[in-house]
Amino acid sequence: MYPYMNEDVAFERLKDLQREAENSRLIANSLPRLGSVIRNLAARAWWLGGLAMQRPPRPRPIEFREAREKPASSDAA
């Protein structure tokens, strides 16, 4: 049997553990940044929604006004 097999397996396990620790550290550092991005986007959407609420109502299209007035004039004739 290969005499260093256990050492090789242990070294591979050590490398895997180091890789997992590095990945979890990277993820842990990026989560607060992601939260702040989501918070900023939500604040912008809330602000834009408030601006949309303050707009005056839009006038009706001219074609709709003409279509609504035509039957009234034809009934009078």
Protein backbone atom coordinates (compact mmCIF):
# COMPACT_ATOMS: atom_id res chain seq x y z
CA MET A 1 0.00 0.00 0.00
CA TYR A 2 1.12 3.57 -0.66
CA PRO A 3 2.76 4.77 2.59
CA TYR A 4 1.85 8.47 2.22
CA MET A 5 -1.80 8.01 1.29
CA ASN A 6 -3.12 9.22 4.63
CA GLU A 7 -0.94 12.33 4.46
CA ASP A 8 -2.18 13.12 0.97
CA VAL A 9 -5.80 12.71 2.03
CA ALA A 10 -5.22 14.89 5.09
CA PHE A 11 -3.55 17.57 2.95
CA GLU A 12 -6.46 17.55 0.48
CA ARG A 13 -8.89 17.84 3.39
CA LEU A 14 -6.88 20.79 4.77
CA LYS A 15 -7.00 22.53 1.38
CA ASP A 16 -10.78 21.95 1.18
CA LEU A 17 -11.29 23.40 4.65
CA GLN A 18 -9.20 26.46 3.77
CA ARG A 19 -11.17 26.92 0.56
CA GLU A 20 -14.49 26.68 2.43
CA ALA A 21 -13.30 29.20 5.03
CA GLU A 22 -12.22 31.64 2.32
CA ASN A 23 -15.53 31.29 0.46
CA SER A 24 -17.58 31.82 3.61
CA ARG A 25 -15.48 34.89 4.46
CA LEU A 26 -16.06 36.33 1.00
CA ILE A 27 -19.80 35.68 1.19
CA ALA A 28 -20.01 37.18 4.68
CA ASN A 29 -18.30 40.36 3.47
CA SER A 30 -20.56 40.74 0.43
CA LEU A 31 -23.90 40.32 2.26
CA PRO A 32 -23.89 43.74 3.99
CA ARG A 33 -23.05 45.37 0.65
CA LEU A 34 -25.96 43.54 -0.97
CA GLY A 35 -28.26 44.72 1.80
CA SER A 36 -27.23 48.33 1.30
CA VAL A 37 -27.82 48.05 -2.46
CA ILE A 38 -31.31 46.65 -1.87
CA ARG A 39 -31.99 49.37 0.70
CA ASN A 40 -30.91 52.10 -1.75
CA LEU A 41 -33.05 50.66 -4.56
CA ALA A 42 -36.06 50.45 -2.26
CA ALA A 43 -35.55 54.07 -1.16
CA ARG A 44 -35.33 55.22 -4.78
CA ALA A 45 -38.48 53.32 -5.72
CA TRP A 46 -40.30 54.80 -2.73
CA TRP A 47 -39.16 58.31 -3.70
CA LEU A 48 -40.18 57.84 -7.35
CA GLY A 49 -43.52 56.47 -6.25
CA GLY A 50 -44.06 59.60 -4.17
CA LEU A 51 -43.25 61.79 -7.15
CA ALA A 52 -45.75 59.90 -9.28
CA MET A 53 -48.44 60.46 -6.66
CA GLN A 54 -47.91 64.24 -6.79
CA ARG A 55 -48.52 64.55 -10.53
CA PRO A 56 -51.74 66.21 -11.66
CA PRO A 57 -54.14 63.91 -13.51
CA ARG A 58 -53.45 63.55 -17.18
CA PRO A 59 -55.95 65.06 -19.61
CA ARG A 60 -58.08 62.67 -21.58
CA PRO A 61 -57.05 62.02 -25.16
CA ILE A 62 -58.64 64.30 -27.74
CA GLU A 63 -59.96 61.34 -29.75
CA PHE A 64 -61.91 60.13 -26.72
CA ARG A 65 -63.50 63.56 -26.19
CA GLU A 66 -64.58 63.74 -29.84
CA ALA A 67 -66.01 60.22 -29.77
CA ARG A 68 -67.97 61.03 -26.62
CA GLU A 69 -69.39 64.28 -28.09
CA LYS A 70 -70.46 62.82 -31.50
CA PRO A 71 -73.41 60.70 -30.27
CA ALA A 72 -74.81 63.66 -28.35
CA SER A 73 -74.85 65.84 -31.46
CA SER A 74 -76.42 63.08 -33.59
CA ASP A 75 -79.29 62.63 -31.08
CA ALA A 76 -80.16 66.32 -31.27
CA ALA A 77 -80.46 66.24 -35.04
